Amino acid sequence: CSTLGTLLSSGVPIIASLNIVRNLITNVHIKEAIEKSKLS
């Protein structure tokens, strides 16, 4: 939430923001959930 909020408020597009956030998450299962949300 903190990373995505910072990126979006800085003008980064949401798809690019989700890609960046996914790479910062350490747990693979939460990464998969973020990847699915990006595809959605």
ModelCIF file with pLDDT and N, C-alpha, C, O atoms, coordinates in Angstrom:
data_MODEL
#
_entry.id   MODEL 
#
_entity.id                         1 
_entity.type                       polymer 
_entity.pdbx_number_of_molecules   1 
#
_entity_poly.entity_id                      1 
_entity_poly.type                           'polypeptide(L)' 
_entity_poly.nstd_linkage                   no 
_entity_poly.nstd_monomer                   no 
_entity_poly.pdbx_seq_one_letter_code       CSTLGTLLSSGVPIIASLNIVRNLITNVHIKEAIEKSKLS 
_entity_poly.pdbx_seq_one_letter_code_can   CSTLGTLLSSGVPIIASLNIVRNLITNVHIKEAIEKSKLS 
_entity_poly.pdbx_strand_id                 A 
#
loop_
_entity_poly_seq.entity_id 
_entity_poly_seq.num 
_entity_poly_seq.mon_id 
_entity_poly_seq.hetero 
1 1  CYS n 
1 2  SER n 
1 3  THR n 
1 4  LEU n 
1 5  GLY n 
1 6  THR n 
1 7  LEU n 
1 8  LEU n 
1 9  SER n 
1 10 SER n 
1 11 GLY n 
1 12 VAL n 
1 13 PRO n 
1 14 ILE n 
1 15 ILE n 
1 16 ALA n 
1 17 SER n 
1 18 LEU n 
1 19 ASN n 
1 20 ILE n 
1 21 VAL n 
1 22 ARG n 
1 23 ASN n 
1 24 LEU n 
1 25 ILE n 
1 26 THR n 
1 27 ASN n 
1 28 VAL n 
1 29 HIS n 
1 30 ILE n 
1 31 LYS n 
1 32 GLU n 
1 33 ALA n 
1 34 ILE n 
1 35 GLU n 
1 36 LYS n 
1 37 SER n 
1 38 LYS n 
1 39 LEU n 
1 40 SER n 
#
_struct_asym.id          A 
_struct_asym.entity_id   1 
#
loop_
_ma_qa_metric.id 
_ma_qa_metric.mode 
_ma_qa_metric.name 
_ma_qa_metric.software_group_id 
_ma_qa_metric.type 
1 global pLDDT . pLDDT 
2 local  pLDDT . pLDDT 
#
_ma_qa_metric_global.metric_id      1 
_ma_qa_metric_global.metric_value   86.12 
_ma_qa_metric_global.model_id       1 
_ma_qa_metric_global.ordinal_id     1 
#
loop_
_ma_qa_metric_local.label_asym_id 
_ma_qa_metric_local.label_comp_id 
_ma_qa_metric_local.label_seq_id 
_ma_qa_metric_local.metric_id 
_ma_qa_metric_local.metric_value 
_ma_qa_metric_local.model_id 
_ma_qa_metric_local.ordinal_id 
A CYS 1  2 88.00 1 1  
A SER 2  2 84.00 1 2  
A THR 3  2 83.00 1 3  
A LEU 4  2 87.00 1 4  
A GLY 5  2 86.00 1 5  
A THR 6  2 81.00 1 6  
A LEU 7  2 82.00 1 7  
A LEU 8  2 84.00 1 8  
A SER 9  2 81.00 1 9  
A SER 10 2 77.00 1 10 
A GLY 11 2 80.00 1 11 
A VAL 12 2 81.00 1 12 
A PRO 13 2 85.00 1 13 
A ILE 14 2 87.00 1 14 
A ILE 15 2 89.00 1 15 
A ALA 16 2 86.00 1 16 
A SER 17 2 86.00 1 17 
A LEU 18 2 88.00 1 18 
A ASN 19 2 88.00 1 19 
A ILE 20 2 85.00 1 20 
A VAL 21 2 85.00 1 21 
A ARG 22 2 86.00 1 22 
A ASN 23 2 83.00 1 23 
A LEU 24 2 81.00 1 24 
A ILE 25 2 85.00 1 25 
A THR 26 2 82.00 1 26 
A ASN 27 2 87.00 1 27 
A VAL 28 2 90.00 1 28 
A HIS 29 2 90.00 1 29 
A ILE 30 2 90.00 1 30 
A LYS 31 2 90.00 1 31 
A GLU 32 2 90.00 1 32 
A ALA 33 2 90.00 1 33 
A ILE 34 2 91.00 1 34 
A GLU 35 2 90.00 1 35 
A LYS 36 2 90.00 1 36 
A SER 37 2 90.00 1 37 
A LYS 38 2 89.00 1 38 
A LEU 39 2 90.00 1 39 
A SER 40 2 88.00 1 40 
#
loop_
_atom_site.group_PDB 
_atom_site.id 
_atom_site.type_symbol 
_atom_site.label_atom_id 
_atom_site.label_alt_id 
_atom_site.label_comp_id 
_atom_site.label_asym_id 
_atom_site.label_entity_id 
_atom_site.label_seq_id 
_atom_site.pdbx_PDB_ins_code 
_atom_site.Cartn_x 
_atom_site.Cartn_y 
_atom_site.Cartn_z 
_atom_site.occupancy 
_atom_site.B_iso_or_equiv 
_atom_site.pdbx_formal_charge 
_atom_site.auth_seq_id 
_atom_site.auth_comp_id 
_atom_site.auth_asym_id 
_atom_site.auth_atom_id 
_atom_site.pdbx_PDB_model_num 
ATOM 1   N N  . CYS A 1 1  ? 0.819  -1.209  0.000   1.00 88.00 ? 1  CYS A N  1 
ATOM 2   C CA . CYS A 1 1  ? 0.000  0.000   0.000   1.00 88.00 ? 1  CYS A CA 1 
ATOM 3   C C  . CYS A 1 1  ? 0.855  1.262   0.000   1.00 88.00 ? 1  CYS A C  1 
ATOM 4   O O  . CYS A 1 1  ? 0.563  2.204   -0.737  1.00 88.00 ? 1  CYS A O  1 
ATOM 5   N N  . SER A 1 2  ? 1.896  1.294   0.808   1.00 84.00 ? 2  SER A N  1 
ATOM 6   C CA . SER A 1 2  ? 2.725  2.496   0.888   1.00 84.00 ? 2  SER A CA 1 
ATOM 7   C C  . SER A 1 2  ? 3.468  2.742   -0.418  1.00 84.00 ? 2  SER A C  1 
ATOM 8   O O  . SER A 1 2  ? 3.550  3.881   -0.879  1.00 84.00 ? 2  SER A O  1 
ATOM 9   N N  . THR A 1 3  ? 4.012  1.682   -1.020  1.00 83.00 ? 3  THR A N  1 
ATOM 10  C CA . THR A 1 3  ? 4.757  1.850   -2.269  1.00 83.00 ? 3  THR A CA 1 
ATOM 11  C C  . THR A 1 3  ? 3.833  2.231   -3.412  1.00 83.00 ? 3  THR A C  1 
ATOM 12  O O  . THR A 1 3  ? 4.126  3.149   -4.178  1.00 83.00 ? 3  THR A O  1 
ATOM 13  N N  . LEU A 1 4  ? 2.705  1.518   -3.527  1.00 87.00 ? 4  LEU A N  1 
ATOM 14  C CA . LEU A 1 4  ? 1.772  1.810   -4.613  1.00 87.00 ? 4  LEU A CA 1 
ATOM 15  C C  . LEU A 1 4  ? 1.204  3.221   -4.475  1.00 87.00 ? 4  LEU A C  1 
ATOM 16  O O  . LEU A 1 4  ? 1.064  3.941   -5.464  1.00 87.00 ? 4  LEU A O  1 
ATOM 17  N N  . GLY A 1 5  ? 0.880  3.607   -3.248  1.00 86.00 ? 5  GLY A N  1 
ATOM 18  C CA . GLY A 1 5  ? 0.362  4.958   -3.043  1.00 86.00 ? 5  GLY A CA 1 
ATOM 19  C C  . GLY A 1 5  ? 1.382  6.022   -3.416  1.00 86.00 ? 5  GLY A C  1 
ATOM 20  O O  . GLY A 1 5  ? 1.027  7.036   -4.017  1.00 86.00 ? 5  GLY A O  1 
ATOM 21  N N  . THR A 1 6  ? 2.658  5.801   -3.063  1.00 81.00 ? 6  THR A N  1 
ATOM 22  C CA . THR A 1 6  ? 3.718  6.749   -3.401  1.00 81.00 ? 6  THR A CA 1 
ATOM 23  C C  . THR A 1 6  ? 3.894  6.861   -4.911  1.00 81.00 ? 6  THR A C  1 
ATOM 24  O O  . THR A 1 6  ? 4.027  7.962   -5.446  1.00 81.00 ? 6  THR A O  1 
ATOM 25  N N  . LEU A 1 7  ? 3.893  5.725   -5.593  1.00 82.00 ? 7  LEU A N  1 
ATOM 26  C CA . LEU A 1 7  ? 4.085  5.731   -7.046  1.00 82.00 ? 7  LEU A CA 1 
ATOM 27  C C  . LEU A 1 7  ? 2.921  6.397   -7.768  1.00 82.00 ? 7  LEU A C  1 
ATOM 28  O O  . LEU A 1 7  ? 3.130  7.198   -8.678  1.00 82.00 ? 7  LEU A O  1 
ATOM 29  N N  . LEU A 1 8  ? 1.698  6.071   -7.366  1.00 84.00 ? 8  LEU A N  1 
ATOM 30  C CA . LEU A 1 8  ? 0.526  6.646   -8.040  1.00 84.00 ? 8  LEU A CA 1 
ATOM 31  C C  . LEU A 1 8  ? 0.434  8.150   -7.804  1.00 84.00 ? 8  LEU A C  1 
ATOM 32  O O  . LEU A 1 8  ? 0.115  8.910   -8.719  1.00 84.00 ? 8  LEU A O  1 
ATOM 33  N N  . SER A 1 9  ? 0.715  8.574   -6.573  1.00 81.00 ? 9  SER A N  1 
ATOM 34  C CA . SER A 1 9  ? 0.657  10.015  -6.279  1.00 81.00 ? 9  SER A CA 1 
ATOM 35  C C  . SER A 1 9  ? 1.778  10.776  -6.975  1.00 81.00 ? 9  SER A C  1 
ATOM 36  O O  . SER A 1 9  ? 1.709  11.996  -7.119  1.00 81.00 ? 9  SER A O  1 
ATOM 37  N N  . SER A 1 10 ? 2.818  10.051  -7.410  1.00 77.00 ? 10 SER A N  1 
ATOM 38  C CA . SER A 1 10 ? 3.925  10.685  -8.129  1.00 77.00 ? 10 SER A CA 1 
ATOM 39  C C  . SER A 1 10 ? 3.700  10.685  -9.637  1.00 77.00 ? 10 SER A C  1 
ATOM 40  O O  . SER A 1 10 ? 4.552  11.158  -10.388 1.00 77.00 ? 10 SER A O  1 
ATOM 41  N N  . GLY A 1 11 ? 2.576  10.166  -10.080 1.00 80.00 ? 11 GLY A N  1 
ATOM 42  C CA . GLY A 1 11 ? 2.241  10.204  -11.504 1.00 80.00 ? 11 GLY A CA 1 
ATOM 43  C C  . GLY A 1 11 ? 2.636  8.979   -12.296 1.00 80.00 ? 11 GLY A C  1 
ATOM 44  O O  . GLY A 1 11 ? 2.531  8.983   -13.522 1.00 80.00 ? 11 GLY A O  1 
ATOM 45  N N  . VAL A 1 12 ? 3.095  7.915   -11.623 1.00 81.00 ? 12 VAL A N  1 
ATOM 46  C CA . VAL A 1 12 ? 3.469  6.687   -12.331 1.00 81.00 ? 12 VAL A CA 1 
ATOM 47  C C  . VAL A 1 12 ? 2.195  5.942   -12.717 1.00 81.00 ? 12 VAL A C  1 
ATOM 48  O O  . VAL A 1 12 ? 1.316  5.788   -11.869 1.00 81.00 ? 12 VAL A O  1 
ATOM 49  N N  . PRO A 1 13 ? 2.053  5.470   -13.964 1.00 85.00 ? 13 PRO A N  1 
ATOM 50  C CA . PRO A 1 13 ? 0.861  4.717   -14.369 1.00 85.00 ? 13 PRO A CA 1 
ATOM 51  C C  . PRO A 1 13 ? 0.655  3.490   -13.500 1.00 85.00 ? 13 PRO A C  1 
ATOM 52  O O  . PRO A 1 13 ? 1.615  2.923   -12.978 1.00 85.00 ? 13 PRO A O  1 
ATOM 53  N N  . ILE A 1 14 ? -0.600 3.078   -13.344 1.00 87.00 ? 14 ILE A N  1 
ATOM 54  C CA . ILE A 1 14 ? -0.923 2.024   -12.388 1.00 87.00 ? 14 ILE A CA 1 
ATOM 55  C C  . ILE A 1 14 ? -0.312 0.686   -12.778 1.00 87.00 ? 14 ILE A C  1 
ATOM 56  O O  . ILE A 1 14 ? 0.099  -0.068  -11.896 1.00 87.00 ? 14 ILE A O  1 
ATOM 57  N N  . ILE A 1 15 ? -0.236 0.360   -14.089 1.00 89.00 ? 15 ILE A N  1 
ATOM 58  C CA . ILE A 1 15 ? 0.358  -0.920  -14.510 1.00 89.00 ? 15 ILE A CA 1 
ATOM 59  C C  . ILE A 1 15 ? 1.844  -0.950  -14.149 1.00 89.00 ? 15 ILE A C  1 
ATOM 60  O O  . ILE A 1 15 ? 2.342  -1.932  -13.599 1.00 89.00 ? 15 ILE A O  1 
ATOM 61  N N  . ALA A 1 16 ? 2.538  0.136   -14.466 1.00 86.00 ? 16 ALA A N  1 
ATOM 62  C CA . ALA A 1 16 ? 3.964  0.210   -14.124 1.00 86.00 ? 16 ALA A CA 1 
ATOM 63  C C  . ALA A 1 16 ? 4.154  0.193   -12.608 1.00 86.00 ? 16 ALA A C  1 
ATOM 64  O O  . ALA A 1 16 ? 5.106  -0.406  -12.108 1.00 86.00 ? 16 ALA A O  1 
ATOM 65  N N  . SER A 1 17 ? 3.263  0.841   -11.887 1.00 86.00 ? 17 SER A N  1 
ATOM 66  C CA . SER A 1 17 ? 3.358  0.861   -10.422 1.00 86.00 ? 17 SER A CA 1 
ATOM 67  C C  . SER A 1 17 ? 3.192  -0.530  -9.839  1.00 86.00 ? 17 SER A C  1 
ATOM 68  O O  . SER A 1 17 ? 3.918  -0.922  -8.926  1.00 86.00 ? 17 SER A O  1 
ATOM 69  N N  . LEU A 1 18 ? 2.222  -1.282  -10.377 1.00 88.00 ? 18 LEU A N  1 
ATOM 70  C CA . LEU A 1 18 ? 2.002  -2.640  -9.881  1.00 88.00 ? 18 LEU A CA 1 
ATOM 71  C C  . LEU A 1 18 ? 3.194  -3.545  -10.192 1.00 88.00 ? 18 LEU A C  1 
ATOM 72  O O  . LEU A 1 18 ? 3.535  -4.415  -9.391  1.00 88.00 ? 18 LEU A O  1 
ATOM 73  N N  . ASN A 1 19 ? 3.826  -3.346  -11.344 1.00 88.00 ? 19 ASN A N  1 
ATOM 74  C CA . ASN A 1 19 ? 5.031  -4.125  -11.664 1.00 88.00 ? 19 ASN A CA 1 
ATOM 75  C C  . ASN A 1 19 ? 6.149  -3.840  -10.669 1.00 88.00 ? 19 ASN A C  1 
ATOM 76  O O  . ASN A 1 19 ? 6.847  -4.753  -10.228 1.00 88.00 ? 19 ASN A O  1 
ATOM 77  N N  . ILE A 1 20 ? 6.312  -2.566  -10.318 1.00 85.00 ? 20 ILE A N  1 
ATOM 78  C CA . ILE A 1 20 ? 7.363  -2.190  -9.361  1.00 85.00 ? 20 ILE A CA 1 
ATOM 79  C C  . ILE A 1 20 ? 7.054  -2.759  -7.977  1.00 85.00 ? 20 ILE A C  1 
ATOM 80  O O  . ILE A 1 20 ? 7.934  -3.308  -7.313  1.00 85.00 ? 20 ILE A O  1 
ATOM 81  N N  . VAL A 1 21 ? 5.799  -2.623  -7.549  1.00 85.00 ? 21 VAL A N  1 
ATOM 82  C CA . VAL A 1 21 ? 5.405  -3.104  -6.226  1.00 85.00 ? 21 VAL A CA 1 
ATOM 83  C C  . VAL A 1 21 ? 5.569  -4.617  -6.131  1.00 85.00 ? 21 VAL A C  1 
ATOM 84  O O  . VAL A 1 21 ? 6.029  -5.133  -5.112  1.00 85.00 ? 21 VAL A O  1 
ATOM 85  N N  . ARG A 1 22 ? 5.196  -5.318  -7.183  1.00 86.00 ? 22 ARG A N  1 
ATOM 86  C CA . ARG A 1 22 ? 5.313  -6.787  -7.172  1.00 86.00 ? 22 ARG A CA 1 
ATOM 87  C C  . ARG A 1 22 ? 6.756  -7.219  -6.928  1.00 86.00 ? 22 ARG A C  1 
ATOM 88  O O  . ARG A 1 22 ? 6.998  -8.205  -6.233  1.00 86.00 ? 22 ARG A O  1 
ATOM 89  N N  . ASN A 1 23 ? 7.709  -6.492  -7.490  1.00 83.00 ? 23 ASN A N  1 
ATOM 90  C CA . ASN A 1 23 ? 9.121  -6.850  -7.311  1.00 83.00 ? 23 ASN A CA 1 
ATOM 91  C C  . ASN A 1 23 ? 9.646  -6.519  -5.919  1.00 83.00 ? 23 ASN A C  1 
ATOM 92  O O  . ASN A 1 23 ? 10.690 -7.031  -5.514  1.00 83.00 ? 23 ASN A O  1 
ATOM 93  N N  . LEU A 1 24 ? 8.936  -5.670  -5.186  1.00 81.00 ? 24 LEU A N  1 
ATOM 94  C CA . LEU A 1 24 ? 9.364  -5.322  -3.830  1.00 81.00 ? 24 LEU A CA 1 
ATOM 95  C C  . LEU A 1 24 ? 8.803  -6.271  -2.782  1.00 81.00 ? 24 LEU A C  1 
ATOM 96  O O  . LEU A 1 24 ? 9.290  -6.302  -1.652  1.00 81.00 ? 24 LEU A O  1 
ATOM 97  N N  . ILE A 1 25 ? 7.783  -7.046  -3.144  1.00 85.00 ? 25 ILE A N  1 
ATOM 98  C CA . ILE A 1 25 ? 7.161  -7.974  -2.202  1.00 85.00 ? 25 ILE A CA 1 
ATOM 99  C C  . ILE A 1 25 ? 8.005  -9.233  -2.101  1.00 85.00 ? 25 ILE A C  1 
ATOM 100 O O  . ILE A 1 25 ? 8.474  -9.749  -3.116  1.00 85.00 ? 25 ILE A O  1 
ATOM 101 N N  . THR A 1 26 ? 8.201  -9.733  -0.886  1.00 82.00 ? 26 THR A N  1 
ATOM 102 C CA . THR A 1 26 ? 9.079  -10.882 -0.665  1.00 82.00 ? 26 THR A CA 1 
ATOM 103 C C  . THR A 1 26 ? 8.349  -12.215 -0.775  1.00 82.00 ? 26 THR A C  1 
ATOM 104 O O  . THR A 1 26 ? 8.976  -13.222 -1.104  1.00 82.00 ? 26 THR A O  1 
ATOM 105 N N  . ASN A 1 27 ? 7.051  -12.254 -0.511  1.00 87.00 ? 27 ASN A N  1 
ATOM 106 C CA . ASN A 1 27 ? 6.306  -13.516 -0.508  1.00 87.00 ? 27 ASN A CA 1 
ATOM 107 C C  . ASN A 1 27 ? 5.759  -13.811 -1.899  1.00 87.00 ? 27 ASN A C  1 
ATOM 108 O O  . ASN A 1 27 ? 5.100  -12.961 -2.498  1.00 87.00 ? 27 ASN A O  1 
ATOM 109 N N  . VAL A 1 28 ? 6.024  -15.011 -2.421  1.00 90.00 ? 28 VAL A N  1 
ATOM 110 C CA . VAL A 1 28 ? 5.644  -15.347 -3.799  1.00 90.00 ? 28 VAL A CA 1 
ATOM 111 C C  . VAL A 1 28 ? 4.128  -15.412 -3.963  1.00 90.00 ? 28 VAL A C  1 
ATOM 112 O O  . VAL A 1 28 ? 3.615  -15.088 -5.033  1.00 90.00 ? 28 VAL A O  1 
ATOM 113 N N  . HIS A 1 29 ? 3.406  -15.822 -2.927  1.00 90.00 ? 29 HIS A N  1 
ATOM 114 C CA . HIS A 1 29 ? 1.948  -15.940 -3.053  1.00 90.00 ? 29 HIS A CA 1 
ATOM 115 C C  . HIS A 1 29 ? 1.291  -14.563 -3.123  1.00 90.00 ? 29 HIS A C  1 
ATOM 116 O O  . HIS A 1 29 ? 0.337  -14.363 -3.876  1.00 90.00 ? 29 HIS A O  1 
ATOM 117 N N  . ILE A 1 30 ? 1.797  -13.627 -2.348  1.00 90.00 ? 30 ILE A N  1 
ATOM 118 C CA . ILE A 1 30 ? 1.283  -12.261 -2.431  1.00 90.00 ? 30 ILE A CA 1 
ATOM 119 C C  . ILE A 1 30 ? 1.700  -11.628 -3.755  1.00 90.00 ? 30 ILE A C  1 
ATOM 120 O O  . ILE A 1 30 ? 0.962  -10.820 -4.318  1.00 90.00 ? 30 ILE A O  1 
ATOM 121 N N  . LYS A 1 31 ? 2.892  -11.997 -4.256  1.00 90.00 ? 31 LYS A N  1 
ATOM 122 C CA . LYS A 1 31 ? 3.300  -11.534 -5.581  1.00 90.00 ? 31 LYS A CA 1 
ATOM 123 C C  . LYS A 1 31 ? 2.327  -11.995 -6.650  1.00 90.00 ? 31 LYS A C  1 
ATOM 124 O O  . LYS A 1 31 ? 1.965  -11.224 -7.540  1.00 90.00 ? 31 LYS A O  1 
ATOM 125 N N  . GLU A 1 32 ? 1.898  -13.261 -6.566  1.00 90.00 ? 32 GLU A N  1 
ATOM 126 C CA . GLU A 1 32 ? 0.953  -13.800 -7.542  1.00 90.00 ? 32 GLU A CA 1 
ATOM 127 C C  . GLU A 1 32 ? -0.378 -13.052 -7.489  1.00 90.00 ? 32 GLU A C  1 
ATOM 128 O O  . GLU A 1 32 ? -0.993 -12.789 -8.523  1.00 90.00 ? 32 GLU A O  1 
ATOM 129 N N  . ALA A 1 33 ? -0.817 -12.712 -6.274  1.00 90.00 ? 33 ALA A N  1 
ATOM 130 C CA . ALA A 1 33 ? -2.061 -11.956 -6.133  1.00 90.00 ? 33 ALA A CA 1 
ATOM 131 C C  . ALA A 1 33 ? -1.944 -10.578 -6.787  1.00 90.00 ? 33 ALA A C  1 
ATOM 132 O O  . ALA A 1 33 ? -2.889 -10.109 -7.421  1.00 90.00 ? 33 ALA A O  1 
ATOM 133 N N  . ILE A 1 34 ? -0.784 -9.928  -6.634  1.00 91.00 ? 34 ILE A N  1 
ATOM 134 C CA . ILE A 1 34 ? -0.571 -8.619  -7.250  1.00 91.00 ? 34 ILE A CA 1 
ATOM 135 C C  . ILE A 1 34 ? -0.507 -8.747  -8.764  1.00 91.00 ? 34 ILE A C  1 
ATOM 136 O O  . ILE A 1 34 ? -1.016 -7.880  -9.474  1.00 91.00 ? 34 ILE A O  1 
ATOM 137 N N  . GLU A 1 35 ? 0.107  -9.808  -9.271  1.00 90.00 ? 35 GLU A N  1 
ATOM 138 C CA . GLU A 1 35 ? 0.170  -10.036 -10.715 1.00 90.00 ? 35 GLU A CA 1 
ATOM 139 C C  . GLU A 1 35 ? -1.234 -10.238 -11.288 1.00 90.00 ? 35 GLU A C  1 
ATOM 140 O O  . GLU A 1 35 ? -1.549 -9.724  -12.362 1.00 90.00 ? 35 GLU A O  1 
ATOM 141 N N  . LYS A 1 36 ? -2.067 -10.980 -10.577 1.00 90.00 ? 36 LYS A N  1 
ATOM 142 C CA . LYS A 1 36 ? -3.447 -11.179 -11.038 1.00 90.00 ? 36 LYS A CA 1 
ATOM 143 C C  . LYS A 1 36 ? -4.226 -9.870  -11.026 1.00 90.00 ? 36 LYS A C  1 
ATOM 144 O O  . LYS A 1 36 ? -5.039 -9.618  -11.916 1.00 90.00 ? 36 LYS A O  1 
ATOM 145 N N  . SER A 1 37 ? -3.978 -9.037  -10.019 1.00 90.00 ? 37 SER A N  1 
ATOM 146 C CA . SER A 1 37 ? -4.663 -7.741  -9.970  1.00 90.00 ? 37 SER A CA 1 
ATOM 147 C C  . SER A 1 37 ? -4.200 -6.842  -11.105 1.00 90.00 ? 37 SER A C  1 
ATOM 148 O O  . SER A 1 37 ? -4.990 -6.055  -11.628 1.00 90.00 ? 37 SER A O  1 
ATOM 149 N N  . LYS A 1 38 ? -2.929 -6.945  -11.499 1.00 89.00 ? 38 LYS A N  1 
ATOM 150 C CA . LYS A 1 38 ? -2.426 -6.164  -12.630 1.00 89.00 ? 38 LYS A CA 1 
ATOM 151 C C  . LYS A 1 38 ? -3.104 -6.605  -13.926 1.00 89.00 ? 38 LYS A C  1 
ATOM 152 O O  . LYS A 1 38 ? -3.508 -5.772  -14.738 1.00 89.00 ? 38 LYS A O  1 
ATOM 153 N N  . LEU A 1 39 ? -3.225 -7.919  -14.115 1.00 90.00 ? 39 LEU A N  1 
ATOM 154 C CA . LEU A 1 39 ? -3.903 -8.432  -15.308 1.00 90.00 ? 39 LEU A CA 1 
ATOM 155 C C  . LEU A 1 39 ? -5.363 -8.007  -15.323 1.00 90.00 ? 39 LEU A C  1 
ATOM 156 O O  . LEU A 1 39 ? -5.921 -7.723  -16.382 1.00 90.00 ? 39 LEU A O  1 
ATOM 157 N N  . SER A 1 40 ? -5.980 -7.964  -14.147 1.00 88.00 ? 40 SER A N  1 
ATOM 158 C CA . SER A 1 40 ? -7.376 -7.531  -14.059 1.00 88.00 ? 40 SER A CA 1 
ATOM 159 C C  . SER A 1 40 ? -7.519 -6.071  -14.467 1.00 88.00 ? 40 SER A C  1 
ATOM 160 O O  . SER A 1 40 ? -8.625 -5.532  -14.455 1.00 88.00 ? 40 SER A O  1 
#
